[in-house]
């Protein structure tokens, strides 16, 4: 039985998660530079210790209502595909992006551990979220955790 760890986060009251192996860091204090003529879901560019990170507003990317940033708003910065391949993790085939990308989220939750069998890969989804962005759903005691397809979120074409 293979265990997987997910970092969880919120957009409004909706709970989402991604495999923690994809995450480089969580950044709470940042200044983002807006980008003219970028897609509406691109929040801007972040200078992270000399590296440029494209920050995507996850709510807008998923077609959900975007709230004004608060003290709990943060950006989850993801490893690049090169970073992931360097890890040489057996049975791990997920990708992110060739470039540094972050997701702007309302609030970060907990790290949760699940068995691979806990993930329903054929979920019935509401029409609010495009199915190409969803890897699966995990049933928790009182809610659903939607696991996201990070590489699909980062495709702009």
Protein backbone atom coordinates (compact mmCIF):
# COMPACT_ATOMS: atom_id res chain seq x y z
CA UNK A 1 0.00 0.00 0.00
CA UNK A 2 1.52 3.28 -1.14
CA UNK A 3 1.08 6.34 1.07
CA UNK A 4 0.96 9.86 -0.36
CA UNK A 5 1.17 13.20 1.43
CA UNK A 6 -0.92 16.13 0.29
CA UNK A 7 -0.56 19.78 1.21
CA UNK A 8 -4.08 21.17 1.53
CA UNK A 9 -5.32 24.69 0.89
CA UNK A 10 -8.52 26.63 0.55
CA UNK A 11 -10.22 28.77 -2.05
CA UNK A 12 -13.15 30.17 -0.10
CA UNK A 13 -14.65 27.14 1.66
CA UNK A 14 -13.46 24.66 -0.97
CA UNK A 15 -10.62 22.34 0.05
CA UNK A 16 -7.95 21.41 -2.49
CA UNK A 17 -4.68 19.52 -2.33
CA UNK A 18 -1.57 18.61 -4.28
CA UNK A 19 1.10 16.00 -3.68
CA UNK A 20 3.64 17.55 -1.32
CA UNK A 21 6.50 16.24 -3.49
CA UNK A 22 5.52 18.86 -6.09
CA UNK A 23 5.89 21.79 -3.68
CA UNK A 24 9.09 23.79 -3.37
CA UNK A 25 7.94 26.25 -0.70
CA UNK A 26 5.10 28.34 0.67
CA UNK A 27 5.59 32.08 0.47
CA UNK A 28 3.45 34.37 2.62
CA UNK A 29 5.08 37.76 2.17
CA UNK A 30 5.62 38.82 -1.38
CA UNK A 31 5.21 41.64 -3.83
CA UNK A 32 3.84 40.62 -7.21
CA UNK A 33 4.36 42.70 -10.34
CA UNK A 34 1.29 42.69 -12.62
CA UNK A 35 1.83 41.61 -16.24
CA UNK A 36 0.09 43.47 -19.08
CA UNK A 37 -1.81 41.33 -21.61
CA UNK A 38 -1.40 38.18 -19.52
CA UNK A 39 -4.39 35.84 -19.07
CA UNK A 40 -6.79 37.10 -16.39
CA UNK A 41 -5.82 34.29 -14.01
CA UNK A 42 -2.13 35.33 -13.99
CA UNK A 43 -1.75 37.35 -10.80
CA UNK A 44 1.72 38.57 -11.73
CA UNK A 45 5.43 37.90 -11.41
CA UNK A 46 7.30 37.35 -8.16
CA UNK A 47 11.03 37.85 -7.62
CA UNK A 48 11.98 34.94 -5.37
CA UNK A 49 15.62 35.37 -4.36
CA UNK A 50 16.55 36.38 -7.91
CA UNK A 51 14.35 33.82 -9.66
CA UNK A 52 11.19 34.89 -11.49
CA UNK A 53 8.01 33.02 -10.54
CA UNK A 54 4.73 33.29 -12.45
CA UNK A 55 1.93 33.46 -9.86
CA UNK A 56 -1.49 32.15 -10.88
CA UNK A 57 -4.65 33.10 -9.00
CA UNK A 58 -6.08 29.62 -8.41
CA UNK A 59 -9.63 30.86 -7.86
CA UNK A 60 -9.70 32.61 -11.24
CA UNK A 61 -7.98 29.66 -12.96
CA UNK A 62 -10.70 27.32 -11.68
CA UNK A 63 -13.48 29.76 -12.52
CA UNK A 64 -14.31 30.41 -8.87
CA UNK A 65 -14.86 33.69 -7.06
CA UNK A 66 -11.60 35.41 -6.13
CA UNK A 67 -11.44 37.14 -2.76
CA UNK A 68 -9.24 40.10 -1.90
CA UNK A 69 -5.91 39.02 -0.38
CA UNK A 70 -5.83 38.71 3.41
CA UNK A 71 -3.18 37.99 6.02
CA UNK A 72 -3.70 34.25 5.33
CA UNK A 73 -3.28 34.53 1.56
CA UNK A 74 -0.11 32.89 0.31
CA UNK A 75 1.57 31.54 -2.77
CA UNK A 76 2.49 27.88 -3.09
CA UNK A 77 5.65 27.71 -5.22
CA UNK A 78 6.12 24.48 -7.17
CA UNK A 79 9.25 22.61 -8.17
CA UNK A 80 10.10 22.66 -11.86
CA UNK A 81 9.98 19.50 -13.98
CA UNK A 82 13.80 19.48 -13.85
CA UNK A 83 13.70 19.60 -10.02
CA UNK A 84 11.25 16.68 -9.96
CA UNK A 85 13.27 14.51 -12.35
CA UNK A 86 16.40 15.10 -10.25
CA UNK A 87 14.61 13.54 -7.27
CA UNK A 88 14.42 10.19 -9.11
CA UNK A 89 11.38 9.01 -7.18
CA UNK A 90 10.16 5.58 -8.19
CA UNK A 91 6.51 5.39 -9.37
CA UNK A 92 6.12 9.18 -9.43
CA UNK A 93 5.17 10.56 -12.82
CA UNK A 94 3.51 13.90 -12.06
CA UNK A 95 4.81 17.05 -13.70
CA UNK A 96 4.51 20.75 -12.98
CA UNK A 97 6.12 23.18 -15.44
CA UNK A 98 9.53 23.81 -17.00
CA UNK A 99 9.48 27.20 -15.23
CA UNK A 100 8.85 28.27 -11.64
CA UNK A 101 5.13 28.75 -11.05
CA UNK A 102 3.13 29.50 -7.93
CA UNK A 103 -0.54 29.30 -7.00
CA UNK A 104 -2.17 32.11 -5.04
CA UNK A 105 -4.51 30.52 -2.47
CA UNK A 106 -6.72 31.93 0.28
CA UNK A 107 -5.25 29.83 3.08
CA UNK A 108 -2.96 26.82 3.52
CA UNK A 109 -4.33 23.89 5.51
CA UNK A 110 -2.64 20.77 6.85
CA UNK A 111 -0.47 18.07 5.35
CA UNK A 112 -2.59 14.92 5.17
CA UNK A 113 -1.46 11.36 4.47
CA UNK A 114 -3.59 8.99 2.39
CA UNK A 115 -3.28 5.59 0.80
CA UNK A 116 -3.36 5.55 -2.99
CA UNK A 117 -6.63 3.59 -2.77
CA UNK A 118 -8.31 6.50 -0.93
CA UNK A 119 -8.24 8.62 -4.09
CA UNK A 120 -11.32 8.36 -6.31
CA UNK A 121 -9.96 9.01 -9.80
CA UNK A 122 -13.40 9.00 -11.41
CA UNK A 123 -15.11 11.71 -9.39
CA UNK A 124 -18.44 13.27 -10.19
CA UNK A 125 -17.59 16.95 -10.17
CA UNK A 126 -19.65 20.04 -10.00
CA UNK A 127 -19.67 22.11 -13.16
CA UNK A 128 -17.81 24.85 -11.29
CA UNK A 129 -14.38 23.27 -11.81
CA UNK A 130 -13.08 21.98 -15.13
CA UNK A 131 -12.45 18.24 -14.95
CA UNK A 132 -9.06 18.63 -16.69
CA UNK A 133 -7.80 20.38 -13.55
CA UNK A 134 -8.81 17.53 -11.21
CA UNK A 135 -6.80 14.36 -10.50
CA UNK A 136 -9.30 12.92 -8.07
CA UNK A 137 -11.31 13.32 -4.90
CA UNK A 138 -10.60 12.07 -1.39
CA UNK A 139 -13.51 11.65 0.99
CA UNK A 140 -12.80 13.11 4.43
CA UNK A 141 -15.11 12.89 7.45
CA UNK A 142 -17.07 16.06 6.75
CA UNK A 143 -15.98 17.21 3.28
CA UNK A 144 -14.24 16.36 0.03
CA UNK A 145 -10.61 17.09 -0.78
CA UNK A 146 -10.16 17.80 -4.50
CA UNK A 147 -6.68 16.83 -5.70
CA UNK A 148 -5.46 19.03 -8.54
CA UNK A 149 -3.67 18.27 -11.80
CA UNK A 150 -0.91 20.85 -11.47
CA UNK A 151 0.48 20.50 -14.99
CA UNK A 152 -2.99 21.24 -16.47
CA UNK A 153 -3.32 24.33 -14.26
CA UNK A 154 -0.02 25.63 -15.60
CA UNK A 155 -0.86 25.16 -19.31
CA UNK A 156 -1.74 28.54 -20.77
CA UNK A 157 -2.49 27.49 -24.37
